Protein backbone atom coordinates (compact mmCIF):
# COMPACT_ATOMS: atom_id res chain seq x y z
CA MET A 1 22.69 -36.17 -3.06
CA ASP A 2 21.32 -33.67 -4.49
CA ASN A 3 24.12 -30.69 -3.91
CA THR A 4 28.01 -31.62 -4.15
CA VAL A 5 29.87 -28.93 -2.88
CA ASP A 6 33.60 -28.23 -2.23
CA PHE A 7 32.98 -25.81 0.80
CA GLN A 8 35.30 -22.97 0.96
CA GLU A 9 34.88 -18.97 0.72
CA PHE A 10 34.00 -19.60 -3.05
CA VAL A 11 31.92 -22.89 -3.44
CA ASP A 12 30.78 -24.82 -6.52
CA ALA A 13 27.79 -26.69 -6.18
CA ARG A 14 25.14 -29.16 -8.31
CA VAL A 15 21.94 -28.08 -7.18
CA GLY A 16 18.71 -30.17 -7.87
CA PRO A 17 14.98 -28.22 -7.72
CA ARG A 18 13.55 -30.96 -5.28
CA GLY A 19 11.01 -28.71 -2.64
CA SER A 20 10.83 -25.92 -5.13
CA SER A 21 8.23 -24.52 -7.32
CA LEU A 22 9.75 -24.84 -10.55
CA GLU A 23 7.75 -26.44 -13.14
CA ASN A 24 9.79 -28.56 -16.39
CA LEU A 25 11.75 -26.68 -18.71
CA SER A 26 10.86 -27.14 -22.36
CA GLN A 27 14.34 -27.77 -24.51
CA ALA A 28 13.94 -24.52 -26.23
CA GLU A 29 13.51 -22.35 -22.84
CA ILE A 30 16.79 -24.25 -21.64
CA SER A 31 18.17 -23.26 -25.13
CA LYS A 32 17.25 -20.10 -25.11
CA LEU A 33 18.53 -19.45 -21.23
CA LEU A 34 21.81 -20.25 -22.54
CA ASP A 35 22.23 -18.44 -25.38
CA SER A 36 23.19 -14.82 -24.03
CA SER A 37 22.58 -13.39 -27.31
CA GLN A 38 19.12 -13.58 -27.18
CA GLY A 39 18.27 -10.78 -24.73
CA GLY A 40 20.96 -10.84 -22.61
CA LEU A 41 18.79 -13.72 -20.71
CA TYR A 42 21.42 -15.95 -19.31
CA GLU A 43 22.88 -12.62 -18.07
CA LEU A 44 20.16 -11.59 -16.53
CA PHE A 45 19.31 -14.92 -14.46
CA ARG A 46 23.07 -14.82 -13.41
CA LYS A 47 22.71 -11.68 -11.94
CA CYS A 48 19.56 -12.70 -9.93
CA ALA A 49 20.76 -15.97 -8.94
CA LEU A 50 24.26 -14.52 -7.47
CA ALA A 51 22.11 -11.73 -5.65
CA VAL A 52 19.94 -14.54 -4.05
CA LEU A 53 22.72 -16.66 -3.18
CA ASN A 54 24.95 -13.24 -1.43
CA SER A 55 21.29 -12.58 0.95
CA GLY A 56 22.39 -11.53 4.49
CA GLU A 57 25.64 -9.83 2.98
CA ALA A 58 25.84 -6.29 4.51
CA THR A 59 26.20 -4.24 1.24
CA ASP A 60 23.44 -2.52 -0.83
CA ASN A 61 26.18 -1.63 -3.42
CA ALA A 62 25.15 -3.55 -6.49
CA LYS A 63 28.43 -2.74 -8.45
CA GLU A 64 30.11 -4.02 -5.59
CA ILE A 65 28.81 -7.61 -5.67
CA PHE A 66 29.18 -8.04 -8.84
CA ASP A 67 32.59 -7.14 -8.92
CA ARG A 68 33.47 -9.08 -5.53
CA TYR A 69 32.06 -12.36 -7.51
CA ARG A 70 32.62 -11.12 -10.88
CA ASP A 71 34.02 -14.95 -11.55
CA PHE A 72 30.41 -16.51 -10.39
CA ARG A 73 29.17 -18.50 -13.51
CA ILE A 74 26.14 -20.65 -12.74
CA GLU A 75 25.20 -23.67 -16.04
CA ILE A 76 21.90 -25.45 -16.74
CA LEU A 77 22.31 -28.65 -17.04
CA ARG A 78 19.76 -30.53 -19.35
CA GLU A 79 18.27 -33.70 -17.07
CA PRO A 80 15.53 -36.17 -18.74
CA TRP A 81 13.20 -34.85 -16.47
CA GLY A 82 14.11 -31.31 -16.42
CA VAL A 83 17.33 -29.42 -15.15
CA LYS A 84 19.74 -29.02 -12.51
CA LEU A 85 21.99 -25.86 -11.47
CA GLN A 86 25.64 -25.61 -11.36
CA VAL A 87 27.10 -23.12 -9.48
CA HIS A 88 30.80 -21.69 -9.81
CA ASN A 89 32.21 -19.37 -7.50
CA ALA A 90 29.13 -18.68 -5.38
CA PRO A 91 29.29 -16.73 -1.97
CA ALA A 92 29.99 -20.08 0.72
CA SER A 93 27.38 -18.05 3.12
CA ALA A 94 24.75 -19.88 0.99
CA PHE A 95 25.63 -23.23 1.87
CA VAL A 96 25.69 -24.96 5.60
CA ASP A 97 28.16 -28.24 6.13
CA GLY A 98 28.31 -28.35 2.29
CA GLN A 99 24.32 -27.95 1.36
CA MET A 100 22.82 -25.53 -0.09
CA ILE A 101 20.40 -23.83 2.41
CA ARG A 102 16.68 -25.09 1.45
CA GLY A 103 15.25 -21.65 1.75
CA ILE A 104 18.33 -19.70 -0.46
CA LYS A 105 17.79 -23.03 -2.84
CA GLU A 106 13.93 -22.43 -3.50
CA HIS A 107 14.37 -19.02 -4.31
CA LEU A 108 17.09 -19.46 -6.84
CA PHE A 109 14.81 -21.73 -8.95
CA ALA A 110 11.92 -19.22 -8.34
CA VAL A 111 14.48 -17.02 -9.97
CA LEU A 112 14.79 -19.60 -12.91
CA ARG A 113 10.84 -20.16 -13.10
CA ASP A 114 10.54 -16.13 -13.05
CA VAL A 115 12.92 -15.46 -15.53
CA VAL A 116 11.98 -18.17 -17.92
CA TYR A 117 8.25 -17.19 -17.74
CA ILE A 118 8.61 -13.42 -17.85
CA SER A 119 10.95 -13.84 -21.23
CA SER A 120 9.15 -16.37 -23.01
CA GLU A 121 5.19 -15.45 -21.94
CA ILE A 122 5.29 -11.71 -20.92
CA LEU A 123 8.29 -10.07 -23.08
CA ASP A 124 8.16 -12.25 -26.36
CA GLY A 125 4.85 -13.83 -26.48
CA GLY A 126 3.04 -12.00 -28.15
CA ARG A 127 0.48 -12.15 -25.60
CA PHE A 128 0.51 -8.41 -24.04
CA ASP A 129 0.99 -5.46 -25.76
CA LEU A 130 2.78 -3.49 -22.74
CA ARG A 131 2.07 -0.48 -23.96
CA ASP A 132 -1.37 -0.86 -22.98
CA SER A 133 -2.72 -0.10 -19.64
CA ARG A 134 -4.86 -3.57 -18.70
CA ALA A 135 -2.53 -5.47 -20.73
CA ILE A 136 -0.21 -4.12 -18.24
CA THR A 137 -2.51 -5.46 -15.80
CA ASN A 138 -2.70 -8.68 -17.28
CA ALA A 139 0.47 -9.11 -17.57
CA VAL A 140 1.24 -8.80 -13.80
CA PHE A 141 -1.45 -11.19 -13.08
CA HIS A 142 -0.37 -13.82 -15.04
CA ILE A 143 3.27 -13.66 -13.49
CA LEU A 144 1.82 -13.69 -10.11
CA ARG A 145 -0.45 -16.60 -10.58
CA ASN A 146 2.48 -18.44 -12.61
CA ALA A 147 4.24 -18.13 -9.16
CA ARG A 148 1.47 -19.36 -7.41
CA LEU A 149 0.54 -16.02 -5.22
CA LEU A 150 -2.72 -16.16 -6.01
CA ASP A 151 -3.58 -19.56 -4.85
CA TYR A 152 -5.04 -18.08 -1.56
CA LYS A 153 -8.71 -18.03 -1.21
CA ALA A 154 -10.05 -17.28 1.90
CA ARG A 155 -10.74 -13.68 3.45
CA PRO A 156 -8.89 -11.23 2.86
CA ASN A 157 -5.79 -10.61 5.25
CA LEU A 158 -2.36 -9.56 3.38
CA VAL A 159 -0.64 -6.60 4.78
CA VAL A 160 1.98 -5.36 2.24
CA CYS A 161 4.86 -3.67 4.53
CA TRP A 162 6.71 -0.47 3.19
CA GLY A 163 9.84 0.85 4.39
CA GLY A 164 13.55 1.53 4.35
CA HIS A 165 16.53 -1.20 4.32
CA SER A 166 18.73 1.49 5.92
CA ILE A 167 16.86 1.83 8.89
CA GLY A 168 17.89 1.99 12.74
CA HIS A 169 18.21 -0.93 15.57
CA ASP A 170 14.89 0.79 17.47
CA GLU A 171 13.01 1.25 14.02
CA TYR A 172 13.99 -2.22 13.22
CA LYS A 173 12.50 -3.70 16.54
CA TYR A 174 9.30 -1.59 16.15
CA THR A 175 8.83 -3.19 12.87
CA LYS A 176 9.20 -6.96 14.19
CA ARG A 177 6.61 -5.44 17.28
CA VAL A 178 4.16 -4.33 14.23
CA GLY A 179 4.43 -7.95 12.15
CA TYR A 180 3.78 -9.66 15.79
CA GLU A 181 0.87 -7.78 16.79
CA LEU A 182 -0.18 -8.75 12.83
CA GLY A 183 0.46 -12.70 13.19
CA LEU A 184 -1.22 -12.77 16.42
CA ARG A 185 -4.33 -11.35 14.06
CA GLY A 186 -3.92 -14.09 11.40
CA LEU A 187 -2.52 -11.35 8.62
CA ASP A 188 0.40 -12.40 6.35
CA VAL A 189 2.64 -9.82 5.26
CA CYS A 190 4.10 -9.13 2.04
CA THR A 191 7.60 -6.92 1.76
CA GLY A 192 9.98 -5.93 -1.02
CA CYS A 193 11.78 -8.79 0.66
CA GLY A 194 15.19 -7.31 1.37
CA PRO A 195 16.78 -6.43 5.02
CA GLY A 196 15.20 -3.61 7.47
CA ALA A 197 11.87 -2.68 7.45
CA MET A 198 10.86 -5.74 4.40
CA LYS A 199 12.55 -8.35 7.15
CA GLY A 200 11.31 -7.25 10.65
CA PRO A 201 7.69 -7.37 9.67
CA MET A 202 8.25 -10.55 8.45
CA LYS A 203 10.27 -11.81 11.49
CA GLY A 204 7.56 -10.62 14.32
CA ALA A 205 4.59 -12.40 12.26
CA THR A 206 6.45 -15.59 12.01
CA ILE A 207 6.26 -15.78 16.31
CA GLY A 208 2.40 -14.23 16.20
CA HIS A 209 1.88 -17.10 13.72
CA ALA A 210 3.64 -19.75 15.93
CA LYS A 211 1.77 -18.65 18.96
CA GLN A 212 -1.52 -18.63 17.29
CA ARG A 213 -0.44 -22.74 15.74
CA ILE A 214 -1.04 -21.00 12.26
CA LEU A 215 1.34 -23.25 10.13
CA THR A 216 0.33 -21.61 6.91
CA GLY A 217 1.55 -18.15 7.03
CA ARG A 218 2.68 -16.60 3.82
CA TYR A 219 5.60 -14.11 3.67
CA ILE A 220 5.80 -12.93 0.51
CA GLY A 221 8.59 -11.09 -1.26
CA ILE A 222 8.35 -9.02 -4.36
CA THR A 223 11.53 -7.66 -5.83
CA GLU A 224 12.88 -6.70 -9.52
CA PRO A 225 16.24 -7.30 -11.50
CA GLY A 226 17.10 -3.74 -10.72
CA ILE A 227 16.59 -3.64 -7.14
CA ILE A 228 17.43 -7.26 -6.04
CA ALA A 229 21.30 -6.97 -5.31
CA ALA A 230 20.94 -4.10 -3.22
CA GLU A 231 17.59 -6.27 -1.64
CA PRO A 232 18.16 -9.74 -1.69
CA PRO A 233 15.40 -12.03 -0.60
CA ASN A 234 15.59 -12.69 3.22
CA ALA A 235 15.70 -15.81 4.78
CA ILE A 236 12.23 -15.58 5.96
CA VAL A 237 10.38 -15.55 2.17
CA ASN A 238 8.43 -18.43 1.81
CA GLN A 239 7.10 -17.23 -1.57
CA LEU A 240 9.50 -14.99 -3.42
CA VAL A 241 8.17 -13.37 -7.25
CA ILE A 242 10.73 -11.16 -9.74
CA MET A 243 8.57 -8.78 -11.47
CA PRO A 244 10.26 -7.12 -14.85
CA ASP A 245 10.60 -3.76 -13.74
CA ILE A 246 9.91 -1.64 -10.96
CA GLU A 247 6.12 -0.20 -12.09
CA LYS A 248 5.02 -4.04 -12.50
CA ARG A 249 6.39 -4.57 -8.89
CA LEU A 250 4.89 -1.63 -7.54
CA GLU A 251 1.27 -2.69 -9.24
CA ALA A 252 1.44 -6.25 -8.09
CA PHE A 253 1.78 -4.80 -4.04
CA VAL A 254 -1.26 -2.52 -4.74
CA ARG A 255 -3.17 -5.79 -6.62
CA LEU A 256 -2.03 -8.12 -3.68
CA ALA A 257 -2.54 -5.75 -1.02
CA HIS A 258 -5.69 -5.69 1.48
CA GLY A 259 -4.12 -2.81 3.74
CA ILE A 260 -0.25 -1.09 3.88
CA VAL A 261 1.77 -0.26 6.36
CA VAL A 262 4.38 2.48 5.79
CA PHE A 263 7.54 2.21 8.34
CA PRO A 264 10.29 4.96 7.85
CA GLY A 265 12.72 4.64 5.08
CA GLY A 266 14.49 6.69 2.49
CA VAL A 267 13.81 7.37 -1.26
CA GLY A 268 12.80 4.46 -2.54
CA THR A 269 10.21 4.37 0.62
CA ALA A 270 9.07 7.59 -0.59
CA GLU A 271 8.64 6.32 -4.55
CA GLU A 272 6.55 3.61 -3.19
CA ILE A 273 4.47 6.40 -1.00
CA LEU A 274 4.31 8.60 -3.78
CA TYR A 275 3.01 5.78 -6.19
CA LEU A 276 0.54 4.79 -3.57
CA ILE A 277 -1.05 8.43 -2.91
CA GLY A 278 -1.35 9.32 -6.55
CA ILE A 279 -3.15 6.25 -7.62
CA LEU A 280 -5.24 6.66 -4.58
CA LEU A 281 -6.47 10.47 -5.31
CA ASP A 282 -7.54 9.43 -8.92
CA PRO A 283 -11.13 10.08 -8.80
CA ALA A 284 -11.66 6.67 -10.33
CA ASN A 285 -10.52 5.11 -7.06
CA ARG A 286 -12.68 7.55 -5.00
CA GLU A 287 -14.81 4.90 -3.36
CA GLN A 288 -12.46 2.06 -2.57
CA PRO A 289 -11.69 1.43 0.62
CA PHE A 290 -7.71 0.89 0.91
CA PRO A 291 -6.06 0.84 4.57
CA VAL A 292 -3.18 2.94 4.83
CA VAL A 293 -0.80 3.05 8.18
CA PHE A 294 2.11 5.06 8.33
CA THR A 295 3.93 4.23 11.50
CA GLY A 296 6.93 3.74 13.65
CA PRO A 297 8.74 4.45 17.13
CA LYS A 298 8.06 7.75 18.85
CA GLU A 299 11.72 8.09 17.66
CA SER A 300 10.34 8.64 13.94
CA ALA A 301 7.33 11.17 14.78
CA ALA A 302 9.59 13.97 13.01
CA TYR A 303 10.09 11.32 10.04
CA PHE A 304 6.48 10.98 9.30
CA GLU A 305 5.58 14.69 10.25
CA GLN A 306 8.44 15.79 7.51
CA ILE A 307 6.49 13.41 4.81
CA SER A 308 3.50 14.85 5.54
CA ARG A 309 4.46 18.49 5.29
CA PHE A 310 6.03 17.20 1.88
CA ILE A 311 3.00 15.48 0.47
CA GLU A 312 0.53 18.35 1.82
CA GLY A 313 2.65 21.01 -0.01
CA THR A 314 3.05 19.15 -2.98
CA LEU A 315 -0.43 17.08 -3.56
CA GLY A 316 -2.66 18.87 -1.26
CA ARG A 317 -4.37 18.42 1.85
CA SER A 318 -6.88 16.01 0.54
CA ALA A 319 -3.73 13.62 -0.05
CA LEU A 320 -3.40 13.74 4.19
CA GLU A 321 -7.22 11.90 3.91
CA ARG A 322 -5.52 8.86 2.06
CA PHE A 323 -3.58 7.34 5.43
CA ARG A 324 -3.40 7.39 9.41
CA ILE A 325 -0.24 8.39 11.13
CA ILE A 326 0.27 5.83 13.99
CA ILE A 327 2.85 6.19 16.20
CA ASP A 328 4.59 3.75 18.83
CA ASP A 329 1.41 1.80 18.58
CA PRO A 330 1.58 -1.84 16.95
CA ALA A 331 -1.67 -3.64 18.20
CA GLU A 332 -3.26 -0.17 17.23
CA VAL A 333 -1.68 -0.81 13.60
CA ALA A 334 -3.06 -4.35 13.74
CA ARG A 335 -6.62 -3.04 14.69
CA THR A 336 -6.97 -0.72 12.21
CA MET A 337 -5.59 -3.45 9.32
CA VAL A 338 -8.32 -6.21 10.57
CA ARG A 339 -11.30 -2.92 10.92
CA GLY A 340 -9.96 -2.23 7.42
CA MET A 341 -10.00 -4.99 6.07
CA GLU A 342 -13.38 -6.05 6.68
CA ALA A 343 -14.36 -2.89 4.38
CA VAL A 344 -12.11 -4.43 1.59
CA ARG A 345 -14.12 -7.62 2.17
CA GLU A 346 -17.43 -5.94 1.92
CA PHE A 347 -16.38 -4.11 -1.03
CA ARG A 348 -15.19 -6.82 -2.92
CA LYS A 349 -18.27 -8.78 -2.29
CA ARG A 350 -20.88 -5.71 -3.59
CA TYR A 351 -18.80 -5.66 -6.79
CA ASN A 352 -17.90 -9.60 -7.05
CA ASP A 353 -14.04 -8.51 -7.35
CA SER A 354 -11.57 -10.82 -6.17
CA TYR A 355 -9.87 -11.48 -3.07
CA ASN A 356 -6.42 -12.24 -4.02
CA PHE A 357 -6.09 -9.60 -7.12
CA ASN A 358 -7.64 -6.00 -6.94
CA TRP A 359 -8.71 -5.72 -10.45
CA LEU A 360 -11.18 -2.77 -9.83
CA LEU A 361 -8.48 -0.11 -8.78
CA SER A 362 -7.83 2.28 -11.49
CA ILE A 363 -4.48 2.28 -12.12
CA ARG A 364 -3.33 5.21 -14.84
CA PRO A 365 -0.37 4.24 -17.54
CA GLU A 366 1.70 7.18 -15.83
CA PHE A 367 1.99 4.93 -13.19
CA GLN A 368 2.23 1.66 -15.34
CA LEU A 369 4.93 2.45 -18.19
CA PRO A 370 8.44 1.55 -17.47
CA PHE A 371 10.27 5.49 -16.58
CA GLU A 372 13.89 4.88 -18.12
CA VAL A 373 16.35 6.59 -15.98
CA THR A 374 18.49 8.35 -17.67
CA HIS A 375 20.20 12.28 -17.16
CA GLU A 376 17.97 13.49 -19.98
CA SER A 377 14.80 11.90 -18.81
CA MET A 378 15.70 13.23 -14.92
CA ARG A 379 15.61 16.55 -16.67
CA ARG A 380 12.86 16.40 -18.46
CA LEU A 381 10.68 15.58 -15.45
CA GLU A 382 7.65 17.99 -15.09
CA LEU A 383 7.74 18.75 -11.26
CA HIS A 384 5.37 21.95 -11.38
CA ARG A 385 1.77 22.46 -9.59
CA ASP A 386 0.04 23.38 -13.00
CA GLN A 387 -1.25 19.49 -13.03
CA PRO A 388 -3.69 17.33 -11.32
CA PRO A 389 -2.33 16.18 -8.38
CA HIS A 390 -2.30 12.42 -9.79
CA GLN A 391 -0.07 13.57 -12.29
CA LEU A 392 2.33 15.31 -10.52
CA ALA A 393 2.70 12.35 -8.09
CA ALA A 394 3.56 9.94 -11.13
CA ASN A 395 6.11 12.43 -11.98
CA LEU A 396 7.54 12.95 -8.31
CA ARG A 397 7.41 9.40 -8.24
CA ARG A 398 9.47 8.86 -11.29
CA ALA A 399 12.04 11.39 -9.57
CA PHE A 400 12.24 9.12 -6.28
CA SER A 401 13.01 6.17 -8.45
CA GLY A 402 15.61 8.00 -10.44
CA ILE A 403 17.34 8.55 -7.19
CA VAL A 404 16.44 4.67 -6.36
CA THR A 405 18.76 3.97 -9.42
CA GLY A 406 21.63 6.44 -8.52
CA ASN A 407 21.98 4.89 -5.21
CA VAL A 408 21.88 0.89 -5.37
CA LYS A 409 21.15 -0.23 -9.14
CA GLU A 410 24.30 -1.27 -11.13
CA HIS A 411 23.79 0.49 -14.33
CA GLY A 412 22.53 4.06 -12.37
CA ILE A 413 26.08 3.92 -10.40
CA GLN A 414 27.45 3.57 -13.32
CA ALA A 415 26.08 6.20 -15.06
CA ILE A 416 26.56 8.65 -12.31
CA GLU A 417 30.40 7.61 -12.20
CA ARG A 418 30.76 8.34 -15.73
CA TYR A 419 28.09 12.06 -15.98
CA GLY A 420 27.85 13.25 -12.66
CA PRO A 421 24.59 13.20 -11.07
CA TYR A 422 21.12 13.71 -12.16
CA GLU A 423 19.78 17.06 -12.48
CA LEU A 424 16.05 17.68 -11.36
CA SER A 425 14.35 21.17 -11.95
CA GLY A 426 10.91 22.34 -11.21
CA ASP A 427 8.34 25.13 -9.08
CA PRO A 428 10.98 26.83 -6.37
CA ARG A 429 8.39 25.78 -3.31
CA ILE A 430 8.38 22.13 -4.58
CA MET A 431 11.91 22.26 -5.04
CA GLU A 432 12.46 23.50 -1.80
CA LEU A 433 10.73 20.63 -0.17
CA LEU A 434 11.76 17.84 -2.13
CA ASP A 435 15.47 19.64 -1.25
CA GLU A 436 14.38 19.32 2.30
CA LEU A 437 13.20 16.21 2.46
CA LEU A 438 16.15 14.69 0.61
CA GLN A 439 18.85 16.11 2.92
CA ALA A 440 16.75 14.74 6.03
CA PHE A 441 16.74 11.49 4.40
CA VAL A 442 20.64 12.22 4.44
CA ALA A 443 21.64 13.55 7.51
CA GLN A 444 19.06 10.63 9.32
CA LEU A 445 21.42 8.04 7.38
CA ARG A 446 18.65 6.72 5.53
CA MET A 447 20.64 6.69 2.18
CA LYS A 448 22.70 3.71 2.63
CA LEU A 449 23.24 0.99 4.90
CA PRO A 450 24.92 2.25 8.49
CA GLY A 451 28.79 2.70 7.85
CA THR A 452 28.83 3.44 4.53
CA VAL A 453 29.41 6.88 3.04
CA TYR A 454 26.70 8.49 0.86
CA ARG A 455 27.81 10.53 -1.81
CA PRO A 456 24.68 12.42 -3.37
CA CYS A 457 23.51 11.13 -7.38
CA TYR A 458 21.17 13.64 -7.34
CA ARG A 459 21.50 17.84 -7.69
CA LEU A 460 18.78 19.95 -7.90
CA VAL A 461 18.43 22.81 -9.79
CA ALA A 462 16.86 26.24 -9.34
């Protein structure tokens, strides 16, 4: 037997990597993982593993999850051929009739693969100067290649879908309809891998693929340690990768994508939008074909009008030319992606660029270097018009990243509890637009999962 389980609310189990993509670990890698004094690697793995095992639970509060399962432990057992994992006090929802769900087991070993690889090869291997823009892109490439996400060797067909984990029922149904139309046209889906707008398109695409007898559909999930507890991988994800931080996660999205669809969301979605628009506003990317669609049901029309007003008011009218808004028409969204991908294919062919990793897209260091969210770094953000639009977009992206940290990341929640809300200041008009947008997110319950009370983690200062 691959698993042995004492089935109860909290479960103990021994799990082998059968059916996972895990490569054998060296004895040095196992030792490093077991030695919590070496960069806290064991604790990082433990938290990511717990998040995966907790998939499907209705909470997006990382602190709440870690407090509830504070007695959870995971041991790495040495075997002559590799490793097994022994879990103690794991969530029972990860098991069915005494067996760990296979998809969760694959995700668990994907976490192990990426935590070990990133530590040994990316952060400590000496190969990558992570202060250098080209080296950062190369590191992103190597992480994705190690996770086998770059094995696909066919025409461009990958749609990255962004949107909130806390969306209404009608919006969620709409994301499934869009995913279905994408699947009918043979398009694959990549998301942040969590619930809500990250799950719906995958769910719809599985039906579209099934009707077309497509057996090789890709449902790619890209996450990072700071957010995986609040947005654990949903069950449909069949290729999961853990990136080191939010900036490399975002770069992985845009390097892999052949087109991007944005559904309604909250501050996390706003962060993604500003990251993408900021990159596309860079003059170096003026000629890049990159289909981007903002879409939702008719009930979401006002949401996208507000997003557009914020983008135009902060970054200028030219920013509106980099995306198209399609309301309540899933088939047209999919057709737009198909047409856009033909342009992407021709561009990549003309310039000899890879289909599965966009090397030609220029991403400046301000979009790549990790932003350490603290009360001081949030106060220092330059939110004023006296800078190029793509630079302002980078700083606005950081502001939203900080709010995401205060909303759902464990260390951010703890910092807010200790020191109070983050403070943001800038040009009066920018602050007015920012306040309007954030207040709308709160009023529309886009900050937290339904049924939870939102306490703002930010304060706007004139």
